[in-house]
C-alpha atoms as a PDB file:
ATOM      1  CA  MET A   1      55.683   7.505  -2.765  1.00  0.00           C
ATOM      2  CA  THR A   2      54.732   8.085  -6.552  1.00  0.00           C
ATOM      3  CA  SER A   3      51.542   7.065  -8.565  1.00  0.00           C
ATOM      4  CA  ILE A   4      53.814   4.333  -9.745  1.00  0.00           C
ATOM      5  CA  LEU A   5      52.928   1.779  -7.006  1.00  0.00           C
ATOM      6  CA  ASN A   6      50.785  -0.932  -6.741  1.00  0.00           C
ATOM      7  CA  ALA A   7      48.173   0.221  -4.196  1.00  0.00           C
ATOM      8  CA  ASP A   8      45.131  -1.646  -4.009  1.00  0.00           C
ATOM      9  CA  LEU A   9      42.690   0.103  -2.072  1.00  0.00           C
ATOM     10  CA  HIS A  10      39.130  -1.696  -2.798  1.00  0.00           C
ATOM     11  CA  CYS A  11      38.272  -5.468  -2.056  1.00  0.00           C
ATOM     12  CA  HIS A  12      36.033  -7.305   0.286  1.00  0.00           C
ATOM     13  CA  SER A  13      36.286 -10.316   2.857  1.00  0.00           C
ATOM     14  CA  VAL A  14      33.945 -12.824   4.236  1.00  0.00           C
ATOM     15  CA  VAL A  15      33.033 -10.041   6.661  1.00  0.00           C
ATOM     16  CA  SER A  16      30.861  -8.294   4.101  1.00  0.00           C
ATOM     17  CA  ASP A  17      30.076  -9.813   0.764  1.00  0.00           C
ATOM     18  CA  GLY A  18      33.527 -11.522  -0.178  1.00  0.00           C
ATOM     19  CA  THR A  19      34.323 -15.101  -0.299  1.00  0.00           C
ATOM     20  CA  LEU A  20      37.970 -14.846   1.160  1.00  0.00           C
ATOM     21  CA  THR A  21      39.351 -14.288   4.656  1.00  0.00           C
ATOM     22  CA  PRO A  22      41.323 -11.426   5.427  1.00  0.00           C
ATOM     23  CA  GLU A  23      44.216 -13.158   5.723  1.00  0.00           C
ATOM     24  CA  ALA A  24      43.521 -14.985   2.554  1.00  0.00           C
ATOM     25  CA  LEU A  25      43.198 -11.962   0.873  1.00  0.00           C
ATOM     26  CA  ALA A  26      46.304 -10.370   2.297  1.00  0.00           C
ATOM     27  CA  GLN A  27      48.101 -13.588   1.142  1.00  0.00           C
ATOM     28  CA  ARG A  28      46.680 -13.192  -2.302  1.00  0.00           C
ATOM     29  CA  ALA A  29      47.204  -9.507  -2.940  1.00  0.00           C
ATOM     30  CA  HIS A  30      50.806 -10.223  -2.125  1.00  0.00           C
ATOM     31  CA  ALA A  31      51.264 -12.911  -4.393  1.00  0.00           C
ATOM     32  CA  HIS A  32      49.657 -10.239  -7.094  1.00  0.00           C
ATOM     33  CA  GLY A  33      52.451  -7.665  -6.283  1.00  0.00           C
ATOM     34  CA  VAL A  34      50.262  -5.566  -3.958  1.00  0.00           C
ATOM     35  CA  GLU A  35      52.579  -2.925  -1.832  1.00  0.00           C
ATOM     36  CA  LEU A  36      49.863  -0.810  -0.465  1.00  0.00           C
ATOM     37  CA  TRP A  37      46.760  -2.797   0.832  1.00  0.00           C
ATOM     38  CA  SER A  38      43.029  -1.813   1.966  1.00  0.00           C
ATOM     39  CA  LEU A  39      40.521  -4.382   2.856  1.00  0.00           C
ATOM     40  CA  THR A  40      36.824  -2.532   2.300  1.00  0.00           C
ATOM     41  CA  ASP A  41      34.377  -4.400   3.841  1.00  0.00           C
ATOM     42  CA  HIS A  42      30.615  -2.838   3.017  1.00  0.00           C
ATOM     43  CA  ASP A  43      29.507  -0.863   6.170  1.00  0.00           C
ATOM     44  CA  GLU A  44      31.485  -3.019   8.453  1.00  0.00           C
ATOM     45  CA  ILE A  45      35.257  -2.801   9.735  1.00  0.00           C
ATOM     46  CA  GLY A  46      35.244  -5.818  12.116  1.00  0.00           C
ATOM     47  CA  GLY A  47      37.712  -7.393   9.599  1.00  0.00           C
ATOM     48  CA  GLN A  48      40.123  -4.479  10.118  1.00  0.00           C
ATOM     49  CA  ALA A  49      42.417  -5.587  12.609  1.00  0.00           C
ATOM     50  CA  ARG A  50      43.111  -8.819  10.849  1.00  0.00           C
ATOM     51  CA  ALA A  51      43.569  -7.371   7.809  1.00  0.00           C
ATOM     52  CA  ALA A  52      46.439  -5.103   9.257  1.00  0.00           C
ATOM     53  CA  ALA A  53      47.998  -8.197  11.333  1.00  0.00           C
ATOM     54  CA  ALA A  54      47.927 -10.175   7.568  1.00  0.00           C
ATOM     55  CA  ALA A  55      49.428  -7.253   5.484  1.00  0.00           C
ATOM     56  CA  LYS A  56      52.329  -6.654   8.067  1.00  0.00           C
ATOM     57  CA  SER A  57      52.951 -10.769   8.093  1.00  0.00           C
ATOM     58  CA  HIS A  58      53.403 -10.407   4.167  1.00  0.00           C
ATOM     59  CA  GLY A  59      55.509  -6.959   4.407  1.00  0.00           C
ATOM     60  CA  MET A  60      52.768  -4.899   2.742  1.00  0.00           C
ATOM     61  CA  ARG A  61      51.495  -1.244   3.856  1.00  0.00           C
ATOM     62  CA  TYR A  62      48.205  -0.809   4.842  1.00  0.00           C
ATOM     63  CA  LEU A  63      45.337   1.198   5.097  1.00  0.00           C
ATOM     64  CA  THR A  64      42.270   0.811   7.564  1.00  0.00           C
ATOM     65  CA  GLY A  65      39.466   0.696   4.792  1.00  0.00           C
ATOM     66  CA  VAL A  66      35.343   0.628   4.235  1.00  0.00           C
ATOM     67  CA  GLU A  67      32.612   1.047   1.518  1.00  0.00           C
ATOM     68  CA  ILE A  68      30.084   2.966   2.511  1.00  0.00           C
ATOM     69  CA  SER A  69      26.289   2.471   1.253  1.00  0.00           C
ATOM     70  CA  VAL A  70      24.763   6.002   0.368  1.00  0.00           C
ATOM     71  CA  THR A  71      21.573   7.528  -1.088  1.00  0.00           C
ATOM     72  CA  PHE A  72      21.897   9.954  -3.391  1.00  0.00           C
ATOM     73  CA  LEU A  73      19.275  11.259  -6.018  1.00  0.00           C
ATOM     74  CA  ASN A  74      17.838   7.823  -5.342  1.00  0.00           C
ATOM     75  CA  LYS A  75      20.817   5.456  -6.078  1.00  0.00           C
ATOM     76  CA  THR A  76      22.829   3.793  -4.004  1.00  0.00           C
ATOM     77  CA  VAL A  77      26.444   5.209  -4.346  1.00  0.00           C
ATOM     78  CA  HIS A  78      29.156   3.693  -2.525  1.00  0.00           C
ATOM     79  CA  ILE A  79      31.749   5.987  -0.770  1.00  0.00           C
ATOM     80  CA  VAL A  80      34.965   4.471   0.074  1.00  0.00           C
ATOM     81  CA  GLY A  81      36.903   5.359   3.693  1.00  0.00           C
ATOM     82  CA  LEU A  82      40.827   4.857   3.987  1.00  0.00           C
ATOM     83  CA  GLY A  83      43.238   5.821   6.779  1.00  0.00           C
ATOM     84  CA  PHE A  84      40.856   6.509   9.599  1.00  0.00           C
ATOM     85  CA  ASP A  85      41.059   5.549  13.485  1.00  0.00           C
ATOM     86  CA  ALA A  86      38.731   2.175  13.087  1.00  0.00           C
ATOM     87  CA  ASP A  87      38.069   2.813  16.860  1.00  0.00           C
ATOM     88  CA  ASN A  88      36.486   5.809  16.496  1.00  0.00           C
ATOM     89  CA  ALA A  89      32.747   5.690  18.322  1.00  0.00           C
ATOM     90  CA  THR A  90      30.746   7.788  15.898  1.00  0.00           C
ATOM     91  CA  LEU A  91      32.052   5.851  12.819  1.00  0.00           C
ATOM     92  CA  ARG A  92      31.202   2.655  14.480  1.00  0.00           C
ATOM     93  CA  GLN A  93      27.769   3.938  15.482  1.00  0.00           C
ATOM     94  CA  GLY A  94      27.138   5.054  11.688  1.00  0.00           C
ATOM     95  CA  LEU A  95      27.977   2.073  10.456  1.00  0.00           C
ATOM     96  CA  LEU A  96      25.786  -0.050  12.885  1.00  0.00           C
ATOM     97  CA  GLN A  97      23.027   2.145  11.768  1.00  0.00           C
ATOM     98  CA  THR A  98      23.790   1.426   8.291  1.00  0.00           C
ATOM     99  CA  ARG A  99      23.989  -1.926   8.481  1.00  0.00           C
ATOM    100  CA  GLY A 100      20.514  -2.167  10.719  1.00  0.00           C
ATOM    101  CA  GLY A 101      18.386  -1.910   7.801  1.00  0.00           C
ATOM    102  CA  ARG A 102      19.255  -4.901   5.689  1.00  0.00           C
ATOM    103  CA  GLY A 103      17.823  -7.796   7.611  1.00  0.00           C
ATOM    104  CA  GLN A 104      14.427  -6.292   6.655  1.00  0.00           C
ATOM    105  CA  ARG A 105      15.353  -5.691   3.210  1.00  0.00           C
ATOM    106  CA  ALA A 106      16.526  -9.493   2.676  1.00  0.00           C
ATOM    107  CA  LYS A 107      13.662 -10.979   3.910  1.00  0.00           C
ATOM    108  CA  GLU A 108      11.657  -8.667   1.908  1.00  0.00           C
ATOM    109  CA  MET A 109      13.468  -9.574  -1.541  1.00  0.00           C
ATOM    110  CA  ALA A 110      12.827 -13.106  -0.232  1.00  0.00           C
ATOM    111  CA  GLN A 111       9.251 -12.670  -0.121  1.00  0.00           C
ATOM    112  CA  ASP A 112       9.463 -10.812  -4.019  1.00  0.00           C
ATOM    113  CA  LEU A 113      11.102 -13.804  -5.257  1.00  0.00           C
ATOM    114  CA  ALA A 114       8.779 -16.232  -3.757  1.00  0.00           C
ATOM    115  CA  ARG A 115       5.937 -14.613  -5.322  1.00  0.00           C
ATOM    116  CA  VAL A 116       7.840 -15.883  -8.962  1.00  0.00           C
ATOM    117  CA  GLY A 117       8.103 -19.201  -7.753  1.00  0.00           C
ATOM    118  CA  ILE A 118      11.530 -18.929  -6.109  1.00  0.00           C
ATOM    119  CA  HIS A 119      11.419 -20.184  -2.626  1.00  0.00           C
ATOM    120  CA  GLY A 120      13.761 -20.495   0.606  1.00  0.00           C
ATOM    121  CA  ALA A 121      15.883 -17.945  -1.051  1.00  0.00           C
ATOM    122  CA  TYR A 122      16.408 -15.902   2.359  1.00  0.00           C
ATOM    123  CA  GLU A 123      17.768 -18.629   4.179  1.00  0.00           C
ATOM    124  CA  GLY A 124      19.935 -19.762   1.108  1.00  0.00           C
ATOM    125  CA  ALA A 125      21.123 -16.410   1.180  1.00  0.00           C
ATOM    126  CA  LEU A 126      21.613 -16.552   4.473  1.00  0.00           C
ATOM    127  CA  LYS A 127      24.098 -19.712   4.234  1.00  0.00           C
ATOM    128  CA  PHE A 128      26.760 -17.405   2.192  1.00  0.00           C
ATOM    129  CA  ALA A 129      26.602 -14.734   4.333  1.00  0.00           C
ATOM    130  CA  GLY A 130      29.743 -14.688   6.855  1.00  0.00           C
ATOM    131  CA  ASN A 131      27.885 -11.784   8.932  1.00  0.00           C
ATOM    132  CA  PRO A 132      23.882 -11.915   9.121  1.00  0.00           C
ATOM    133  CA  GLU A 133      24.114  -8.311   9.664  1.00  0.00           C
ATOM    134  CA  LEU A 134      25.476  -7.681   5.931  1.00  0.00           C
ATOM    135  CA  ILE A 135      23.607  -9.874   3.922  1.00  0.00           C
ATOM    136  CA  SER A 136      23.210  -8.798   0.460  1.00  0.00           C
ATOM    137  CA  ARG A 137      22.177  -8.701  -3.010  1.00  0.00           C
ATOM    138  CA  THR A 138      25.332 -10.899  -3.701  1.00  0.00           C
ATOM    139  CA  HIS A 139      24.705 -13.324  -1.429  1.00  0.00           C
ATOM    140  CA  PHE A 140      21.077 -13.998  -2.997  1.00  0.00           C
ATOM    141  CA  ALA A 141      23.079 -14.439  -6.178  1.00  0.00           C
ATOM    142  CA  ARG A 142      25.128 -16.611  -5.127  1.00  0.00           C
ATOM    143  CA  HIS A 143      22.017 -18.803  -3.841  1.00  0.00           C
ATOM    144  CA  LEU A 144      20.270 -18.321  -7.003  1.00  0.00           C
ATOM    145  CA  VAL A 145      23.366 -19.878  -8.729  1.00  0.00           C
ATOM    146  CA  GLU A 146      23.833 -22.834  -6.313  1.00  0.00           C
ATOM    147  CA  ALA A 147      19.904 -23.690  -6.684  1.00  0.00           C
ATOM    148  CA  GLY A 148      20.243 -23.780 -10.448  1.00  0.00           C
ATOM    149  CA  VAL A 149      17.958 -20.891 -11.057  1.00  0.00           C
ATOM    150  CA  CYS A 150      20.716 -19.087 -13.544  1.00  0.00           C
ATOM    151  CA  LYS A 151      24.281 -20.361 -14.292  1.00  0.00           C
ATOM    152  CA  GLU A 152      26.333 -17.269 -12.945  1.00  0.00           C
ATOM    153  CA  THR A 153      25.855 -14.638 -10.981  1.00  0.00           C
ATOM    154  CA  ASN A 154      26.079 -12.151 -13.961  1.00  0.00           C
ATOM    155  CA  GLU A 155      23.109 -13.634 -14.955  1.00  0.00           C
ATOM    156  CA  VAL A 156      21.313 -13.360 -11.947  1.00  0.00           C
ATOM    157  CA  PHE A 157      21.803  -9.435 -11.646  1.00  0.00           C
ATOM    158  CA  ARG A 158      20.431  -9.349 -15.134  1.00  0.00           C
ATOM    159  CA  LYS A 159      16.993 -11.411 -14.321  1.00  0.00           C
ATOM    160  CA  TYR A 160      16.724 -10.707 -10.982  1.00  0.00           C
ATOM    161  CA  LEU A 161      17.513  -8.190  -7.938  1.00  0.00           C
ATOM    162  CA  THR A 162      17.780  -5.035  -9.815  1.00  0.00           C
ATOM    163  CA  GLU A 163      14.941  -2.398 -10.351  1.00  0.00           C
ATOM    164  CA  GLY A 164      12.002  -3.841 -12.354  1.00  0.00           C
ATOM    165  CA  LYS A 165      13.036  -7.516 -11.640  1.00  0.00           C
ATOM    166  CA  PRO A 166      11.953  -9.813  -9.003  1.00  0.00           C
ATOM    167  CA  GLY A 167      13.908  -9.638  -5.832  1.00  0.00           C
ATOM    168  CA  PHE A 168      14.618  -6.124  -6.056  1.00  0.00           C
ATOM    169  CA  VAL A 169      13.628  -3.727  -2.890  1.00  0.00           C
ATOM    170  CA  GLU A 170      14.848  -0.304  -2.502  1.00  0.00           C
ATOM    171  CA  HIS A 171      16.737   0.574   0.311  1.00  0.00           C
ATOM    172  CA  ARG A 172      17.670   3.908   1.749  1.00  0.00           C
ATOM    173  CA  TRP A 173      20.730   4.025   3.011  1.00  0.00           C
ATOM    174  CA  ALA A 174      23.383   6.896   4.739  1.00  0.00           C
ATOM    175  CA  GLN A 175      23.446  10.335   3.478  1.00  0.00           C
ATOM    176  CA  LEU A 176      26.377  11.566   1.620  1.00  0.00           C
ATOM    177  CA  LYS A 177      26.928  14.192   4.032  1.00  0.00           C
ATOM    178  CA  ASP A 178      26.858  11.429   6.816  1.00  0.00           C
ATOM    179  CA  ALA A 179      28.941   9.042   5.375  1.00  0.00           C
ATOM    180  CA  VAL A 180      31.985  11.878   4.197  1.00  0.00           C
ATOM    181  CA  GLN A 181      31.568  13.280   7.805  1.00  0.00           C
ATOM    182  CA  TRP A 182      32.211   9.555   9.787  1.00  0.00           C
ATOM    183  CA  ILE A 183      34.828   8.854   7.491  1.00  0.00           C
ATOM    184  CA  THR A 184      36.425  12.616   7.944  1.00  0.00           C
ATOM    185  CA  GLY A 185      35.692  12.798  11.496  1.00  0.00           C
ATOM    186  CA  ALA A 186      37.892   9.927  12.315  1.00  0.00           C
ATOM    187  CA  GLY A 187      40.745  11.076  10.280  1.00  0.00           C
ATOM    188  CA  GLY A 188      40.206   9.512   7.402  1.00  0.00           C
ATOM    189  CA  MET A 189      39.884  10.549   3.912  1.00  0.00           C
ATOM    190  CA  ALA A 190      36.166   9.839   1.285  1.00  0.00           C
ATOM    191  CA  VAL A 191      36.186   8.746  -1.828  1.00  0.00           C
ATOM    192  CA  VAL A 192      33.584   8.344  -4.413  1.00  0.00           C
ATOM    193  CA  ALA A 193      33.899   4.597  -5.727  1.00  0.00           C
ATOM    194  CA  HIS A 194      33.677   3.639  -8.807  1.00  0.00           C
ATOM    195  CA  PRO A 195      31.724   6.405 -10.166  1.00  0.00           C
ATOM    196  CA  ALA A 196      31.291   5.466 -13.834  1.00  0.00           C
ATOM    197  CA  ARG A 197      28.840   2.481 -12.380  1.00  0.00           C
ATOM    198  CA  TYR A 198      26.243   4.886 -11.369  1.00  0.00           C
ATOM    199  CA  GLY A 199      24.916   5.861 -14.766  1.00  0.00           C
ATOM    200  CA  PHE A 200      24.104   9.756 -13.912  1.00  0.00           C
ATOM    201  CA  THR A 201      23.713  12.341 -16.448  1.00  0.00           C
ATOM    202  CA  ALA A 202      26.367  14.910 -16.326  1.00  0.00           C
ATOM    203  CA  ASN A 203      24.161  17.414 -14.311  1.00  0.00           C
ATOM    204  CA  GLU A 204      23.917  14.543 -11.518  1.00  0.00           C
ATOM    205  CA  GLU A 205      27.212  13.398 -11.644  1.00  0.00           C
ATOM    206  CA  PHE A 206      28.170  17.333 -10.993  1.00  0.00           C
ATOM    207  CA  ALA A 207      25.891  17.804  -8.440  1.00  0.00           C
ATOM    208  CA  LEU A 208      27.701  14.226  -6.899  1.00  0.00           C
ATOM    209  CA  PHE A 209      30.885  15.766  -6.974  1.00  0.00           C
ATOM    210  CA  THR A 210      30.193  19.193  -5.627  1.00  0.00           C
ATOM    211  CA  GLU A 211      27.784  17.833  -2.699  1.00  0.00           C
ATOM    212  CA  PHE A 212      30.652  15.217  -1.692  1.00  0.00           C
ATOM    213  CA  LYS A 213      33.730  18.029  -2.075  1.00  0.00           C
ATOM    214  CA  GLY A 214      31.258  20.303  -0.033  1.00  0.00           C
ATOM    215  CA  HIS A 215      31.170  17.868   3.197  1.00  0.00           C
ATOM    216  CA  GLY A 216      34.700  17.302   2.870  1.00  0.00           C
ATOM    217  CA  GLY A 217      35.046  14.556   0.233  1.00  0.00           C
ATOM    218  CA  GLN A 218      39.070  14.374  -0.992  1.00  0.00           C
ATOM    219  CA  GLY A 219      39.486  11.232  -3.588  1.00  0.00           C
ATOM    220  CA  VAL A 220      37.515   9.706  -6.226  1.00  0.00           C
ATOM    221  CA  GLU A 221      38.478   6.251  -7.849  1.00  0.00           C
ATOM    222  CA  VAL A 222      40.212   6.337 -11.077  1.00  0.00           C
ATOM    223  CA  VAL A 223      41.702   3.202 -11.489  1.00  0.00           C
ATOM    224  CA  THR A 224      38.962   0.398 -10.810  1.00  0.00           C
ATOM    225  CA  GLY A 225      37.935  -2.973 -11.520  1.00  0.00           C
ATOM    226  CA  SER A 226      34.698  -1.820 -13.428  1.00  0.00           C
ATOM    227  CA  HIS A 227      35.988   1.216 -15.318  1.00  0.00           C
ATOM    228  CA  THR A 228      36.746   1.304 -18.777  1.00  0.00           C
ATOM    229  CA  THR A 229      40.069   2.220 -20.230  1.00  0.00           C
ATOM    230  CA  ALA A 230      38.346   5.206 -21.598  1.00  0.00           C
ATOM    231  CA  GLU A 231      36.687   5.963 -18.303  1.00  0.00           C
ATOM    232  CA  TYR A 232      40.184   5.698 -16.069  1.00  0.00           C
ATOM    233  CA  VAL A 233      40.871   8.904 -18.817  1.00  0.00           C
ATOM    234  CA  VAL A 234      37.362  10.745 -18.000  1.00  0.00           C
ATOM    235  CA  TYR A 235      37.670  10.293 -14.427  1.00  0.00           C
ATOM    236  CA  ALA A 236      41.353  11.136 -14.029  1.00  0.00           C
ATOM    237  CA  ASP A 237      40.175  14.593 -15.689  1.00  0.00           C
ATOM    238  CA  VAL A 238      36.939  14.605 -12.802  1.00  0.00           C
ATOM    239  CA  ALA A 239      39.854  14.150 -10.418  1.00  0.00           C
ATOM    240  CA  LYS A 240      41.358  17.396 -11.585  1.00  0.00           C
ATOM    241  CA  GLU A 241      38.582  19.042 -12.425  1.00  0.00           C
ATOM    242  CA  TYR A 242      36.854  18.897  -8.836  1.00  0.00           C
ATOM    243  CA  GLY A 243      41.076  19.041  -7.157  1.00  0.00           C
ATOM    244  CA  LEU A 244      40.425  15.780  -5.660  1.00  0.00           C
ATOM    245  CA  ALA A 245      43.007  12.340  -5.025  1.00  0.00           C
ATOM    246  CA  GLY A 246      43.046   9.744  -7.194  1.00  0.00           C
ATOM    247  CA  SER A 247      42.533   6.186  -5.812  1.00  0.00           C
ATOM    248  CA  ARG A 248      43.163   2.336  -7.492  1.00  0.00           C
ATOM    249  CA  GLY A 249      41.400  -0.407  -6.394  1.00  0.00           C
ATOM    250  CA  SER A 250      39.800  -4.000  -7.624  1.00  0.00           C
ATOM    251  CA  ASP A 251      36.903  -4.056  -6.048  1.00  0.00           C
ATOM    252  CA  PHE A 252      37.681  -7.716  -6.043  1.00  0.00           C
ATOM    253  CA  HIS A 253      35.203  -9.951  -4.139  1.00  0.00           C
ATOM    254  CA  SER A 254      36.027 -13.796  -5.283  1.00  0.00           C
ATOM    255  CA  PRO A 255      38.038 -16.065  -7.281  1.00  0.00           C
ATOM    256  CA  LEU A 256      35.377 -17.434  -9.082  1.00  0.00           C
ATOM    257  CA  GLU A 257      33.590 -13.962  -9.362  1.00  0.00           C
ATOM    258  CA  SER A 258      35.556 -10.777  -9.876  1.00  0.00           C
ATOM    259  CA  HIS A 259      37.158 -10.342 -13.260  1.00  0.00           C
ATOM    260  CA  THR A 260      39.736  -8.063 -11.640  1.00  0.00           C
ATOM    261  CA  GLU A 261      42.543 -10.226 -10.001  1.00  0.00           C
ATOM    262  CA  LEU A 262      43.719  -7.823  -6.942  1.00  0.00           C
ATOM    263  CA  GLY A 263      46.844  -6.027  -7.981  1.00  0.00           C
ATOM    264  CA  THR A 264      46.531  -5.974 -11.516  1.00  0.00           C
ATOM    265  CA  LEU A 265      45.094  -2.963 -12.657  1.00  0.00           C
ATOM    266  CA  PRO A 266      47.305  -0.276 -14.525  1.00  0.00           C
ATOM    267  CA  TYR A 267      48.601   2.392 -12.467  1.00  0.00           C
ATOM    268  CA  LEU A 268      47.150   5.432 -11.897  1.00  0.00           C
ATOM    269  CA  PRO A 269      47.706   8.318 -14.199  1.00  0.00           C
ATOM    270  CA  GLY A 270      51.161   9.930 -13.025  1.00  0.00           C
ATOM    271  CA  ASN A 271      49.175  13.696 -13.569  1.00  0.00           C
ATOM    272  CA  LEU A 272      47.348  12.990 -10.367  1.00  0.00           C
ATOM    273  CA  THR A 273      47.870  13.266  -6.519  1.00  0.00           C
ATOM    274  CA  PRO A 274      47.428   9.382  -5.415  1.00  0.00           C
ATOM    275  CA  VAL A 275      45.254   8.956  -2.254  1.00  0.00           C
ATOM    276  CA  TRP A 276      48.563   7.412  -0.419  1.00  0.00           C
ATOM    277  CA  GLU A 277      50.484  10.866  -1.055  1.00  0.00           C
ATOM    278  CA  VAL A 278      47.935  12.826   1.327  1.00  0.00           C
ATOM    279  CA  LEU A 279      47.012   9.963   3.498  1.00  0.00           C
ATOM    280  CA  SER A 280      51.056   8.810   4.544  1.00  0.00           C
ATOM    281  CA  SER A 281      51.020   9.560   7.872  1.00  0.00           C
ATOM    282  CA  ARG A 282      48.284   7.199   8.248  1.00  0.00           C
ATOM    283  CA  ILE A 283      49.889   4.116   6.454  1.00  0.00           C
ATOM    284  CA  GLN A 284      50.502   1.500   8.616  1.00  0.00           C
END
């Protein structure tokens, strides 16, 4: 397989903070020409069997996927895992521990929103969470839009739920080493998700990629929904500099919220090793 492949290896279903079922996502991916697909729900692999079956029913190839939240330099960084054994006990236990802190954090977020006159936010957010263990800022944002506090979720994140704004509660996730080793220990590949989003300085980014590779990380998202065309070039160079495989994924969450549709990104630059080439034996 070459880099000229319509692979979408980053999206979310109702199992975490998306709005479509794994089956509906598979149908949508197929409709947009996706040839190789992965469902990468946050800290949860409960949708993997459904996603793999749905991909097969549409004639798409499939890689198991997950997106793990880690704390690095006091920021939340996301590590995508691809091509792992979804039955691996250590991975499953690690994800369970990572999910464990979300419920208490959500209640503290609601308390802080109540402080500025927005009451009942926890119950409102819970209504949008298909999986209560994975209640997140996205669910709160959808509630605030439905309640008329903001017109759209982007406005929510400008006014609430981010550092220094009402409703923000810091949460310490897994360590980078843990996430990478859970994935690689289960036979998969760890990939730094949407690196441009973190706003790291050059030195901080050097620390991230050096430590990531030192723990066994092998990939980086180059072409992804939140990257600009210029950032595709920047992170293609990062991939080459650190000897990492390149990945491609829309980070699709919802037809109404996501700016990038499944399967519509530019192809991965041809001078990179695609993650799917390294993971060819793990493709279903």
